[in-house]
Amino acid sequence: MSKYLVDKFLYTVDRDPELVERYRESPAECVAEWEREYANKLLNCHTGEASTWLAFEPAEREALAAHDHVRLFEMGAHPFLTLTLFIAMFERDHGPLEYQLAYARAMEHITLPYPDIAT
């Protein structure tokens, strides 16, 4: 898994309200568009520089398109990045702290040692 690319997706989508809404409403399309448009752009670089080789693995693309934060964590995505993005997308559908508690319950089966989240 490219932890860097998955974390980059989570980080950049979370910081753009339009991308948050697109990811909430049409996740597979948003993931595909982001991969085409943003995956190879250098993070926080505004000079037009880009790489050419970054792409999601099929399992990454599938987990992102399914909003599967548990699978993403199991693959090594940073849990704070998934939590903050998923709060932005889904907290509005729940009462105070309900989404955060459901997020945690979905990951209760994961025991130490946790997946390596170092990038």
PDB file of N, CA and C in Angstrom:
ATOM      1  N   MET A   1       0.837  -1.184   0.000  1.00  0.00           N
ATOM      2  CA  MET A   1       0.000   0.000   0.000  1.00  0.00           C
ATOM      3  C   MET A   1       0.877   1.241   0.000  1.00  0.00           C
ATOM      4  N   SER A   2       0.438   2.248  -0.709  1.00  0.00           N
ATOM      5  CA  SER A   2       1.098   3.549  -0.668  1.00  0.00           C
ATOM      6  C   SER A   2       0.452   4.369   0.438  1.00  0.00           C
ATOM      7  N   LYS A   3       0.978   4.233   1.657  1.00  0.00           N
ATOM      8  CA  LYS A   3       0.414   5.004   2.758  1.00  0.00           C
ATOM      9  C   LYS A   3       0.474   6.500   2.448  1.00  0.00           C
ATOM     10  N   TYR A   4       1.555   6.902   1.783  1.00  0.00           N
ATOM     11  CA  TYR A   4       1.700   8.315   1.441  1.00  0.00           C
ATOM     12  C   TYR A   4       0.526   8.786   0.579  1.00  0.00           C
ATOM     13  N   LEU A   5       0.200   8.035  -0.461  1.00  0.00           N
ATOM     14  CA  LEU A   5      -0.841   8.485  -1.384  1.00  0.00           C
ATOM     15  C   LEU A   5      -2.217   8.465  -0.729  1.00  0.00           C
ATOM     16  N   VAL A   6      -2.517   7.430   0.031  1.00  0.00           N
ATOM     17  CA  VAL A   6      -3.804   7.377   0.723  1.00  0.00           C
ATOM     18  C   VAL A   6      -3.902   8.518   1.732  1.00  0.00           C
ATOM     19  N   ASP A   7      -2.857   8.726   2.515  1.00  0.00           N
ATOM     20  CA  ASP A   7      -2.868   9.825   3.483  1.00  0.00           C
ATOM     21  C   ASP A   7      -2.944  11.175   2.776  1.00  0.00           C
ATOM     22  N   LYS A   8      -2.294  11.305   1.644  1.00  0.00           N
ATOM     23  CA  LYS A   8      -2.361  12.547   0.861  1.00  0.00           C
ATOM     24  C   LYS A   8      -3.800  12.787   0.401  1.00  0.00           C
ATOM     25  N   PHE A   9      -4.474  11.743  -0.044  1.00  0.00           N
ATOM     26  CA  PHE A   9      -5.880  11.868  -0.441  1.00  0.00           C
ATOM     27  C   PHE A   9      -6.707  12.361   0.747  1.00  0.00           C
ATOM     28  N   LEU A  10      -6.599  11.682   1.878  1.00  0.00           N
ATOM     29  CA  LEU A  10      -7.381  12.044   3.060  1.00  0.00           C
ATOM     30  C   LEU A  10      -7.100  13.483   3.489  1.00  0.00           C
ATOM     31  N   TYR A  11      -5.827  13.862   3.476  1.00  0.00           N
ATOM     32  CA  TYR A  11      -5.406  15.204   3.895  1.00  0.00           C
ATOM     33  C   TYR A  11      -5.948  16.273   2.942  1.00  0.00           C
ATOM     34  N   THR A  12      -5.770  16.082   1.648  1.00  0.00           N
ATOM     35  CA  THR A  12      -6.161  17.131   0.702  1.00  0.00           C
ATOM     36  C   THR A  12      -7.673  17.232   0.554  1.00  0.00           C
ATOM     37  N   VAL A  13      -8.372  16.117   0.576  1.00  0.00           N
ATOM     38  CA  VAL A  13      -9.829  16.174   0.476  1.00  0.00           C
ATOM     39  C   VAL A  13     -10.406  16.869   1.703  1.00  0.00           C
ATOM     40  N   ASP A  14      -9.888  16.565   2.872  1.00  0.00           N
ATOM     41  CA  ASP A  14     -10.393  17.161   4.114  1.00  0.00           C
ATOM     42  C   ASP A  14     -10.247  18.673   4.128  1.00  0.00           C
ATOM     43  N   ARG A  15      -9.313  19.211   3.395  1.00  0.00           N
ATOM     44  CA  ARG A  15      -9.054  20.642   3.418  1.00  0.00           C
ATOM     45  C   ARG A  15      -9.756  21.411   2.302  1.00  0.00           C
ATOM     46  N   ASP A  16     -10.609  20.746   1.543  1.00  0.00           N
ATOM     47  CA  ASP A  16     -11.336  21.403   0.452  1.00  0.00           C
ATOM     48  C   ASP A  16     -12.823  21.067   0.590  1.00  0.00           C
ATOM     49  N   PRO A  17     -13.644  22.024   1.018  1.00  0.00           N
ATOM     50  CA  PRO A  17     -15.064  21.739   1.248  1.00  0.00           C
ATOM     51  C   PRO A  17     -15.787  21.147   0.026  1.00  0.00           C
ATOM     52  N   GLU A  18     -15.426  21.577  -1.172  1.00  0.00           N
ATOM     53  CA  GLU A  18     -16.052  21.006  -2.367  1.00  0.00           C
ATOM     54  C   GLU A  18     -15.693  19.539  -2.533  1.00  0.00           C
ATOM     55  N   LEU A  19     -14.406  19.196  -2.301  1.00  0.00           N
ATOM     56  CA  LEU A  19     -13.997  17.795  -2.398  1.00  0.00           C
ATOM     57  C   LEU A  19     -14.641  16.955  -1.301  1.00  0.00           C
ATOM     58  N   VAL A  20     -14.804  17.512  -0.107  1.00  0.00           N
ATOM     59  CA  VAL A  20     -15.477  16.786   0.975  1.00  0.00           C
ATOM     60  C   VAL A  20     -16.888  16.395   0.524  1.00  0.00           C
ATOM     61  N   GLU A  21     -17.610  17.341  -0.053  1.00  0.00           N
ATOM     62  CA  GLU A  21     -18.976  17.057  -0.497  1.00  0.00           C
ATOM     63  C   GLU A  21     -19.011  16.063  -1.652  1.00  0.00           C
ATOM     64  N   ARG A  22     -18.086  16.191  -2.588  1.00  0.00           N
ATOM     65  CA  ARG A  22     -18.038  15.222  -3.699  1.00  0.00           C
ATOM     66  C   ARG A  22     -17.709  13.832  -3.184  1.00  0.00           C
ATOM     67  N   TYR A  23     -16.776  13.752  -2.234  1.00  0.00           N
ATOM     68  CA  TYR A  23     -16.412  12.454  -1.675  1.00  0.00           C
ATOM     69  C   TYR A  23     -17.574  11.855  -0.881  1.00  0.00           C
ATOM     70  N   ARG A  24     -18.328  12.679  -0.212  1.00  0.00           N
ATOM     71  CA  ARG A  24     -19.500  12.202   0.544  1.00  0.00           C
ATOM     72  C   ARG A  24     -20.571  11.670  -0.406  1.00  0.00           C
ATOM     73  N   GLU A  25     -20.852  12.403  -1.465  1.00  0.00           N
ATOM     74  CA  GLU A  25     -21.970  12.079  -2.350  1.00  0.00           C
ATOM     75  C   GLU A  25     -21.629  11.052  -3.432  1.00  0.00           C
ATOM     76  N   SER A  26     -20.431  11.110  -3.981  1.00  0.00           N
ATOM     77  CA  SER A  26     -20.034  10.225  -5.086  1.00  0.00           C
ATOM     78  C   SER A  26     -18.603   9.749  -4.862  1.00  0.00           C
ATOM     79  N   PRO A  27     -18.398   8.877  -3.885  1.00  0.00           N
ATOM     80  CA  PRO A  27     -17.027   8.538  -3.500  1.00  0.00           C
ATOM     81  C   PRO A  27     -16.187   7.916  -4.613  1.00  0.00           C
ATOM     82  N   ALA A  28     -16.720   6.978  -5.362  1.00  0.00           N
ATOM     83  CA  ALA A  28     -15.915   6.328  -6.411  1.00  0.00           C
ATOM     84  C   ALA A  28     -15.488   7.344  -7.472  1.00  0.00           C
ATOM     85  N   GLU A  29     -16.410   8.215  -7.863  1.00  0.00           N
ATOM     86  CA  GLU A  29     -16.077   9.231  -8.855  1.00  0.00           C
ATOM     87  C   GLU A  29     -15.062  10.225  -8.313  1.00  0.00           C
ATOM     88  N   CYS A  30     -15.224  10.599  -7.049  1.00  0.00           N
ATOM     89  CA  CYS A  30     -14.282  11.538  -6.430  1.00  0.00           C
ATOM     90  C   CYS A  30     -12.885  10.931  -6.353  1.00  0.00           C
ATOM     91  N   VAL A  31     -12.795   9.668  -5.954  1.00  0.00           N
ATOM     92  CA  VAL A  31     -11.493   9.002  -5.853  1.00  0.00           C
ATOM     93  C   VAL A  31     -10.831   8.956  -7.224  1.00  0.00           C
ATOM     94  N   ALA A  32     -11.588   8.581  -8.251  1.00  0.00           N
ATOM     95  CA  ALA A  32     -11.030   8.504  -9.609  1.00  0.00           C
ATOM     96  C   ALA A  32     -10.581   9.879 -10.094  1.00  0.00           C
ATOM     97  N   GLU A  33     -11.405  10.895  -9.855  1.00  0.00           N
ATOM     98  CA  GLU A  33     -11.048  12.260 -10.274  1.00  0.00           C
ATOM     99  C   GLU A  33      -9.813  12.747  -9.525  1.00  0.00           C
ATOM    100  N   TRP A  34      -9.779  12.527  -8.217  1.00  0.00           N
ATOM    101  CA  TRP A  34      -8.634  12.962  -7.426  1.00  0.00           C
ATOM    102  C   TRP A  34      -7.365  12.279  -7.908  1.00  0.00           C
ATOM    103  N   GLU A  35      -7.463  10.997  -8.197  1.00  0.00           N
ATOM    104  CA  GLU A  35      -6.286  10.258  -8.659  1.00  0.00           C
ATOM    105  C   GLU A  35      -5.762  10.831  -9.976  1.00  0.00           C
ATOM    106  N   ARG A  36      -6.684  11.181 -10.879  1.00  0.00           N
ATOM    107  CA  ARG A  36      -6.278  11.780 -12.163  1.00  0.00           C
ATOM    108  C   ARG A  36      -5.700  13.173 -11.986  1.00  0.00           C
ATOM    109  N   GLU A  37      -6.349  13.985 -11.163  1.00  0.00           N
ATOM    110  CA  GLU A  37      -6.023  15.403 -11.081  1.00  0.00           C
ATOM    111  C   GLU A  37      -4.981  15.772 -10.026  1.00  0.00           C
ATOM    112  N   TYR A  38      -4.937  15.051  -8.920  1.00  0.00           N
ATOM    113  CA  TYR A  38      -4.136  15.486  -7.783  1.00  0.00           C
ATOM    114  C   TYR A  38      -3.039  14.524  -7.349  1.00  0.00           C
ATOM    115  N   ALA A  39      -3.166  13.247  -7.638  1.00  0.00           N
ATOM    116  CA  ALA A  39      -2.243  12.248  -7.084  1.00  0.00           C
ATOM    117  C   ALA A  39      -0.784  12.573  -7.372  1.00  0.00           C
ATOM    118  N   ASN A  40      -0.504  13.074  -8.548  1.00  0.00           N
ATOM    119  CA  ASN A  40       0.889  13.309  -8.934  1.00  0.00           C
ATOM    120  C   ASN A  40       1.350  14.751  -8.765  1.00  0.00           C
ATOM    121  N   LYS A  41       0.490  15.594  -8.236  1.00  0.00           N
ATOM    122  CA  LYS A  41       0.913  16.951  -7.914  1.00  0.00           C
ATOM    123  C   LYS A  41       1.637  16.916  -6.582  1.00  0.00           C
ATOM    124  N   LEU A  42       2.683  17.697  -6.469  1.00  0.00           N
ATOM    125  CA  LEU A  42       3.429  17.734  -5.220  1.00  0.00           C
ATOM    126  C   LEU A  42       2.599  18.435  -4.156  1.00  0.00           C
ATOM    127  N   LEU A  43       2.586  17.874  -2.970  1.00  0.00           N
ATOM    128  CA  LEU A  43       1.793  18.408  -1.873  1.00  0.00           C
ATOM    129  C   LEU A  43       2.281  19.804  -1.509  1.00  0.00           C
ATOM    130  N   ASN A  44       1.351  20.742  -1.440  1.00  0.00           N
ATOM    131  CA  ASN A  44       1.629  22.131  -1.065  1.00  0.00           C
ATOM    132  C   ASN A  44       2.631  22.811  -1.996  1.00  0.00           C
ATOM    133  N   CYS A  45       2.659  22.410  -3.250  1.00  0.00           N
ATOM    134  CA  CYS A  45       3.563  23.010  -4.228  1.00  0.00           C
ATOM    135  C   CYS A  45       2.716  23.696  -5.297  1.00  0.00           C
ATOM    136  N   HIS A  46       2.947  24.965  -5.504  1.00  0.00           N
ATOM    137  CA  HIS A  46       2.125  25.736  -6.440  1.00  0.00           C
ATOM    138  C   HIS A  46       2.884  26.123  -7.702  1.00  0.00           C
ATOM    139  N   THR A  47       3.988  25.451  -7.990  1.00  0.00           N
ATOM    140  CA  THR A  47       4.799  25.834  -9.137  1.00  0.00           C
ATOM    141  C   THR A  47       4.521  25.000 -10.376  1.00  0.00           C
ATOM    142  N   GLY A  48       3.573  24.072 -10.301  1.00  0.00           N
ATOM    143  CA  GLY A  48       3.281  23.231 -11.450  1.00  0.00           C
ATOM    144  C   GLY A  48       4.131  21.972 -11.519  1.00  0.00           C
ATOM    145  N   GLU A  49       5.006  21.775 -10.544  1.00  0.00           N
ATOM    146  CA  GLU A  49       5.812  20.560 -10.549  1.00  0.00           C
ATOM    147  C   GLU A  49       4.928  19.365 -10.212  1.00  0.00           C
ATOM    148  N   ALA A  50       5.255  18.216 -10.800  1.00  0.00           N
ATOM    149  CA  ALA A  50       4.471  17.016 -10.542  1.00  0.00           C
ATOM    150  C   ALA A  50       5.312  15.782 -10.815  1.00  0.00           C
ATOM    151  N   SER A  51       4.898  14.680 -10.222  1.00  0.00           N
ATOM    152  CA  SER A  51       5.509  13.396 -10.540  1.00  0.00           C
ATOM    153  C   SER A  51       4.607  12.702 -11.564  1.00  0.00           C
ATOM    154  N   THR A  52       4.944  11.494 -11.929  1.00  0.00           N
ATOM    155  CA  THR A  52       4.155  10.815 -12.966  1.00  0.00           C
ATOM    156  C   THR A  52       3.785   9.393 -12.609  1.00  0.00           C
ATOM    157  N   TRP A  53       4.180   8.896 -11.460  1.00  0.00           N
ATOM    158  CA  TRP A  53       4.065   7.474 -11.203  1.00  0.00           C
ATOM    159  C   TRP A  53       3.100   7.072 -10.101  1.00  0.00           C
ATOM    160  N   LEU A  54       2.551   8.005  -9.344  1.00  0.00           N
ATOM    161  CA  LEU A  54       1.704   7.644  -8.217  1.00  0.00           C
ATOM    162  C   LEU A  54       0.308   7.224  -8.665  1.00  0.00           C
ATOM    163  N   ALA A  55      -0.159   6.105  -8.126  1.00  0.00           N
ATOM    164  CA  ALA A  55      -1.514   5.617  -8.394  1.00  0.00           C
ATOM    165  C   ALA A  55      -1.933   4.723  -7.237  1.00  0.00           C
ATOM    166  N   PHE A  56      -3.228   4.684  -6.977  1.00  0.00           N
ATOM    167  CA  PHE A  56      -3.744   3.811  -5.937  1.00  0.00           C
ATOM    168  C   PHE A  56      -3.673   2.356  -6.376  1.00  0.00           C
ATOM    169  N   GLU A  57      -3.468   1.477  -5.410  1.00  0.00           N
ATOM    170  CA  GLU A  57      -3.629   0.049  -5.626  1.00  0.00           C
ATOM    171  C   GLU A  57      -5.139  -0.226  -5.669  1.00  0.00           C
ATOM    172  N   PRO A  58      -5.569  -1.288  -6.331  1.00  0.00           N
ATOM    173  CA  PRO A  58      -7.013  -1.579  -6.376  1.00  0.00           C
ATOM    174  C   PRO A  58      -7.668  -1.650  -4.991  1.00  0.00           C
ATOM    175  N   ALA A  59      -7.011  -2.267  -4.016  1.00  0.00           N
ATOM    176  CA  ALA A  59      -7.588  -2.375  -2.668  1.00  0.00           C
ATOM    177  C   ALA A  59      -7.735  -0.997  -2.012  1.00  0.00           C
ATOM    178  N   GLU A  60      -6.803  -0.107  -2.270  1.00  0.00           N
ATOM    179  CA  GLU A  60      -6.886   1.257  -1.733  1.00  0.00           C
ATOM    180  C   GLU A  60      -8.062   1.995  -2.356  1.00  0.00           C
ATOM    181  N   ARG A  61      -8.157   1.913  -3.674  1.00  0.00           N
ATOM    182  CA  ARG A  61      -9.233   2.567  -4.411  1.00  0.00           C
ATOM    183  C   ARG A  61     -10.587   2.058  -3.913  1.00  0.00           C
ATOM    184  N   GLU A  62     -10.686   0.751  -3.716  1.00  0.00           N
ATOM    185  CA  GLU A  62     -11.935   0.143  -3.252  1.00  0.00           C
ATOM    186  C   GLU A  62     -12.295   0.607  -1.843  1.00  0.00           C
ATOM    187  N   ALA A  63     -11.329   0.613  -0.931  1.00  0.00           N
ATOM    188  CA  ALA A  63     -11.593   1.046   0.446  1.00  0.00           C
ATOM    189  C   ALA A  63     -11.969   2.526   0.502  1.00  0.00           C
ATOM    190  N   LEU A  64     -11.286   3.344  -0.277  1.00  0.00           N
ATOM    191  CA  LEU A  64     -11.624   4.767  -0.324  1.00  0.00           C
ATOM    192  C   LEU A  64     -13.025   4.971  -0.888  1.00  0.00           C
ATOM    193  N   ALA A  65     -13.352   4.277  -1.958  1.00  0.00           N
ATOM    194  CA  ALA A  65     -14.669   4.423  -2.588  1.00  0.00           C
ATOM    195  C   ALA A  65     -15.788   3.920  -1.685  1.00  0.00           C
ATOM    196  N   ALA A  66     -15.479   2.984  -0.792  1.00  0.00           N
ATOM    197  CA  ALA A  66     -16.479   2.440   0.127  1.00  0.00           C
ATOM    198  C   ALA A  66     -16.562   3.211   1.444  1.00  0.00           C
ATOM    199  N   HIS A  67     -15.760   4.259   1.594  1.00  0.00           N
ATOM    200  CA  HIS A  67     -15.679   4.986   2.867  1.00  0.00           C
ATOM    201  C   HIS A  67     -15.355   4.023   4.005  1.00  0.00           C
ATOM    202  N   ASP A  68     -14.497   3.069   3.757  1.00  0.00           N
ATOM    203  CA  ASP A  68     -14.194   2.011   4.727  1.00  0.00           C
ATOM    204  C   ASP A  68     -12.996   2.396   5.588  1.00  0.00           C
ATOM    205  N   HIS A  69     -13.269   3.203   6.624  1.00  0.00           N
ATOM    206  CA  HIS A  69     -12.176   3.687   7.471  1.00  0.00           C
ATOM    207  C   HIS A  69     -11.475   2.563   8.220  1.00  0.00           C
ATOM    208  N   VAL A  70     -12.192   1.495   8.532  1.00  0.00           N
ATOM    209  CA  VAL A  70     -11.560   0.369   9.231  1.00  0.00           C
ATOM    210  C   VAL A  70     -10.530  -0.294   8.323  1.00  0.00           C
ATOM    211  N   ARG A  71     -10.911  -0.588   7.098  1.00  0.00           N
ATOM    212  CA  ARG A  71      -9.986  -1.217   6.151  1.00  0.00           C
ATOM    213  C   ARG A  71      -8.803  -0.294   5.863  1.00  0.00           C
ATOM    214  N   LEU A  72      -9.059   0.997   5.711  1.00  0.00           N
ATOM    215  CA  LEU A  72      -7.976   1.947   5.470  1.00  0.00           C
ATOM    216  C   LEU A  72      -6.975   1.921   6.621  1.00  0.00           C
ATOM    217  N   PHE A  73      -7.476   1.896   7.867  1.00  0.00           N
ATOM    218  CA  PHE A  73      -6.581   1.825   9.022  1.00  0.00           C
ATOM    219  C   PHE A  73      -5.806   0.514   9.018  1.00  0.00           C
ATOM    220  N   GLU A  74      -6.492  -0.579   8.721  1.00  0.00           N
ATOM    221  CA  GLU A  74      -5.821  -1.876   8.686  1.00  0.00           C
ATOM    222  C   GLU A  74      -4.710  -1.899   7.635  1.00  0.00           C
ATOM    223  N   MET A  75      -4.878  -1.110   6.566  1.00  0.00           N
ATOM    224  CA  MET A  75      -3.853  -1.042   5.519  1.00  0.00           C
ATOM    225  C   MET A  75      -2.755  -0.046   5.858  1.00  0.00           C
ATOM    226  N   GLY A  76      -2.923   0.759   6.917  1.00  0.00           N
ATOM    227  CA  GLY A  76      -1.875   1.673   7.331  1.00  0.00           C
ATOM    228  C   GLY A  76      -2.188   3.147   7.194  1.00  0.00           C
ATOM    229  N   ALA A  77      -3.412   3.506   6.783  1.00  0.00           N
ATOM    230  CA  ALA A  77      -3.773   4.921   6.712  1.00  0.00           C
ATOM    231  C   ALA A  77      -3.775   5.509   8.116  1.00  0.00           C
ATOM    232  N   HIS A  78      -3.424   6.771   8.223  1.00  0.00           N
ATOM    233  CA  HIS A  78      -3.345   7.404   9.529  1.00  0.00           C
ATOM    234  C   HIS A  78      -4.755   7.616  10.088  1.00  0.00           C
ATOM    235  N   PRO A  79      -5.026   7.136  11.303  1.00  0.00           N
ATOM    236  CA  PRO A  79      -6.380   7.220  11.841  1.00  0.00           C
ATOM    237  C   PRO A  79      -6.866   8.651  12.078  1.00  0.00           C
ATOM    238  N   PHE A  80      -5.984   9.587  12.382  1.00  0.00           N
ATOM    239  CA  PHE A  80      -6.422  10.967  12.575  1.00  0.00           C
ATOM    240  C   PHE A  80      -6.891  11.573  11.254  1.00  0.00           C
ATOM    241  N   LEU A  81      -6.267  11.190  10.156  1.00  0.00           N
ATOM    242  CA  LEU A  81      -6.686  11.714   8.861  1.00  0.00           C
ATOM    243  C   LEU A  81      -8.049  11.160   8.457  1.00  0.00           C
ATOM    244  N   THR A  82      -8.272   9.866   8.685  1.00  0.00           N
ATOM    245  CA  THR A  82      -9.600   9.324   8.363  1.00  0.00           C
ATOM    246  C   THR A  82     -10.643   9.915   9.298  1.00  0.00           C
ATOM    247  N   LEU A  83     -10.337  10.004  10.567  1.00  0.00           N
ATOM    248  CA  LEU A  83     -11.320  10.521  11.520  1.00  0.00           C
ATOM    249  C   LEU A  83     -11.725  11.946  11.190  1.00  0.00           C
ATOM    250  N   THR A  84     -10.769  12.834  10.929  1.00  0.00           N
ATOM    251  CA  THR A  84     -11.142  14.228  10.678  1.00  0.00           C
ATOM    252  C   THR A  84     -11.944  14.374   9.390  1.00  0.00           C
ATOM    253  N   LEU A  85     -11.564  13.639   8.350  1.00  0.00           N
ATOM    254  CA  LEU A  85     -12.321  13.710   7.098  1.00  0.00           C
ATOM    255  C   LEU A  85     -13.717  13.116   7.272  1.00  0.00           C
ATOM    256  N   PHE A  86     -13.809  11.982   7.912  1.00  0.00           N
ATOM    257  CA  PHE A  86     -15.106  11.334   8.053  1.00  0.00           C
ATOM    258  C   PHE A  86     -16.019  12.120   8.994  1.00  0.00           C
ATOM    259  N   ILE A  87     -15.463  12.819   9.982  1.00  0.00           N
ATOM    260  CA  ILE A  87     -16.273  13.722  10.807  1.00  0.00           C
ATOM    261  C   ILE A  87     -16.849  14.822   9.920  1.00  0.00           C
ATOM    262  N   ALA A  88     -16.015  15.396   9.051  1.00  0.00           N
ATOM    263  CA  ALA A  88     -16.491  16.460   8.154  1.00  0.00           C
ATOM    264  C   ALA A  88     -17.623  15.961   7.256  1.00  0.00           C
ATOM    265  N   MET A  89     -17.571  14.695   6.871  1.00  0.00           N
ATOM    266  CA  MET A  89     -18.591  14.163   5.970  1.00  0.00           C
ATOM    267  C   MET A  89     -19.843  13.683   6.685  1.00  0.00           C
ATOM    268  N   PHE A  90     -19.699  13.079   7.854  1.00  0.00           N
ATOM    269  CA  PHE A  90     -20.824  12.347   8.432  1.00  0.00           C
ATOM    270  C   PHE A  90     -21.320  12.824   9.793  1.00  0.00           C
ATOM    271  N   GLU A  91     -20.581  13.670  10.482  1.00  0.00           N
ATOM    272  CA  GLU A  91     -21.015  14.103  11.804  1.00  0.00           C
ATOM    273  C   GLU A  91     -22.371  14.800  11.742  1.00  0.00           C
ATOM    274  N   ARG A  92     -22.635  15.511  10.662  1.00  0.00           N
ATOM    275  CA  ARG A  92     -23.894  16.257  10.529  1.00  0.00           C
ATOM    276  C   ARG A  92     -25.126  15.354  10.546  1.00  0.00           C
ATOM    277  N   ASP A  93     -24.925  14.067  10.264  1.00  0.00           N
ATOM    278  CA  ASP A  93     -26.036  13.109  10.241  1.00  0.00           C
ATOM    279  C   ASP A  93     -26.296  12.484  11.605  1.00  0.00           C
ATOM    280  N   HIS A  94     -25.542  12.875  12.620  1.00  0.00           N
ATOM    281  CA  HIS A  94     -25.608  12.254  13.934  1.00  0.00           C
ATOM    282  C   HIS A  94     -25.679  13.311  15.032  1.00  0.00           C
ATOM    283  N   GLY A  95     -26.012  12.875  16.237  1.00  0.00           N
ATOM    284  CA  GLY A  95     -26.001  13.766  17.391  1.00  0.00           C
ATOM    285  C   GLY A  95     -24.580  13.980  17.869  1.00  0.00           C
ATOM    286  N   PRO A  96     -24.432  14.788  18.928  1.00  0.00           N
ATOM    287  CA  PRO A  96     -23.094  15.082  19.451  1.00  0.00           C
ATOM    288  C   PRO A  96     -22.319  13.802  19.792  1.00  0.00           C
ATOM    289  N   LEU A  97     -21.146  13.674  19.243  1.00  0.00           N
ATOM    290  CA  LEU A  97     -20.208  12.572  19.445  1.00  0.00           C
ATOM    291  C   LEU A  97     -20.716  11.199  18.982  1.00  0.00           C
ATOM    292  N   GLU A  98     -21.922  11.105  18.434  1.00  0.00           N
ATOM    293  CA  GLU A  98     -22.433   9.808  17.982  1.00  0.00           C
ATOM    294  C   GLU A  98     -21.555   9.218  16.885  1.00  0.00           C
ATOM    295  N   TYR A  99     -21.152  10.050  15.927  1.00  0.00           N
ATOM    296  CA  TYR A  99     -20.343   9.511  14.830  1.00  0.00           C
ATOM    297  C   TYR A  99     -18.979   9.050  15.340  1.00  0.00           C
ATOM    298  N   GLN A 100     -18.351   9.843  16.184  1.00  0.00           N
ATOM    299  CA  GLN A 100     -17.043   9.479  16.710  1.00  0.00           C
ATOM    300  C   GLN A 100     -17.106   8.165  17.482  1.00  0.00           C
ATOM    301  N   LEU A 101     -18.161   7.965  18.257  1.00  0.00           N
ATOM    302  CA  LEU A 101     -18.317   6.723  19.015  1.00  0.00           C
ATOM    303  C   LEU A 101     -18.565   5.542  18.081  1.00  0.00           C
ATOM    304  N   ALA A 102     -19.350   5.742  17.027  1.00  0.00           N
ATOM    305  CA  ALA A 102     -19.585   4.674  16.051  1.00  0.00           C
ATOM    306  C   ALA A 102     -18.287   4.338  15.313  1.00  0.00           C
ATOM    307  N   TYR A 103     -17.508   5.344  14.993  1.00  0.00           N
ATOM    308  CA  TYR A 103     -16.208   5.152  14.344  1.00  0.00           C
ATOM    309  C   TYR A 103     -15.325   4.270  15.231  1.00  0.00           C
ATOM    310  N   ALA A 104     -15.275   4.589  16.510  1.00  0.00           N
ATOM    311  CA  ALA A 104     -14.454   3.814  17.449  1.00  0.00           C
ATOM    312  C   ALA A 104     -14.982   2.395  17.607  1.00  0.00           C
ATOM    313  N   ARG A 105     -16.300   2.231  17.705  1.00  0.00           N
ATOM    314  CA  ARG A 105     -16.868   0.885  17.837  1.00  0.00           C
ATOM    315  C   ARG A 105     -16.533   0.017  16.636  1.00  0.00           C
ATOM    316  N   ALA A 106     -16.508   0.604  15.453  1.00  0.00           N
ATOM    317  CA  ALA A 106     -16.195  -0.158  14.237  1.00  0.00           C
ATOM    318  C   ALA A 106     -14.765  -0.682  14.257  1.00  0.00           C
ATOM    319  N   MET A 107     -13.914  -0.077  15.089  1.00  0.00           N
ATOM    320  CA  MET A 107     -12.514  -0.489  15.144  1.00  0.00           C
ATOM    321  C   MET A 107     -12.166  -1.238  16.433  1.00  0.00           C
ATOM    322  N   GLU A 108     -13.173  -1.585  17.230  1.00  0.00           N
ATOM    323  CA  GLU A 108     -12.920  -2.266  18.500  1.00  0.00           C
ATOM    324  C   GLU A 108     -12.205  -3.607  18.345  1.00  0.00           C
ATOM    325  N   HIS A 109     -12.400  -4.265  17.231  1.00  0.00           N
ATOM    326  CA  HIS A 109     -11.797  -5.586  17.032  1.00  0.00           C
ATOM    327  C   HIS A 109     -10.292  -5.521  16.780  1.00  0.00           C
ATOM    328  N   ILE A 110      -9.771  -4.342  16.514  1.00  0.00           N
ATOM    329  CA  ILE A 110      -8.347  -4.189  16.221  1.00  0.00           C
ATOM    330  C   ILE A 110      -7.588  -4.108  17.544  1.00  0.00           C
ATOM    331  N   THR A 111      -6.584  -4.951  17.692  1.00  0.00           N
ATOM    332  CA  THR A 111      -5.818  -4.979  18.928  1.00  0.00           C
ATOM    333  C   THR A 111      -4.373  -4.584  18.656  1.00  0.00           C
ATOM    334  N   LEU A 112      -3.666  -4.324  19.723  1.00  0.00           N
ATOM    335  CA  LEU A 112      -2.241  -3.998  19.604  1.00  0.00           C
ATOM    336  C   LEU A 112      -1.474  -5.217  19.120  1.00  0.00           C
ATOM    337  N   PRO A 113      -0.415  -5.084  18.404  1.00  0.00           N
ATOM    338  CA  PRO A 113       0.090  -3.801  17.905  1.00  0.00           C
ATOM    339  C   PRO A 113      -0.738  -3.331  16.708  1.00  0.00           C
ATOM    340  N   TYR A 114      -1.000  -2.045  16.679  1.00  0.00           N
ATOM    341  CA  TYR A 114      -1.736  -1.462  15.567  1.00  0.00           C
ATOM    342  C   TYR A 114      -0.890  -1.485  14.310  1.00  0.00           C
ATOM    343  N   PRO A 115      -1.540  -1.347  13.156  1.00  0.00           N
ATOM    344  CA  PRO A 115      -0.748  -1.235  11.920  1.00  0.00           C
ATOM    345  C   PRO A 115       0.195  -0.046  12.008  1.00  0.00           C
ATOM    346  N   ASP A 116       1.312  -0.147  11.331  1.00  0.00           N
ATOM    347  CA  ASP A 116       2.289   0.934  11.303  1.00  0.00           C
ATOM    348  C   ASP A 116       1.713   2.103  10.525  1.00  0.00           C
ATOM    349  N   ILE A 117       1.578   3.275  11.167  1.00  0.00           N
ATOM    350  CA  ILE A 117       1.045   4.447  10.483  1.00  0.00           C
ATOM    351  C   ILE A 117       2.135   5.470  10.165  1.00  0.00           C
ATOM    352  N   ALA A 118       3.392   5.072  10.339  1.00  0.00           N
ATOM    353  CA  ALA A 118       4.488   5.973   9.976  1.00  0.00           C
ATOM    354  C   ALA A 118       4.509   6.152   8.465  1.00  0.00           C
ATOM    355  N   THR A 119       4.822   7.342   8.012  1.00  0.00           N
ATOM    356  CA  THR A 119       4.879   7.585   6.565  1.00  0.00           C
ATOM    357  C   THR A 119       6.304   7.735   6.116  1.00  0.00           C
TER     358      THR A 119
END
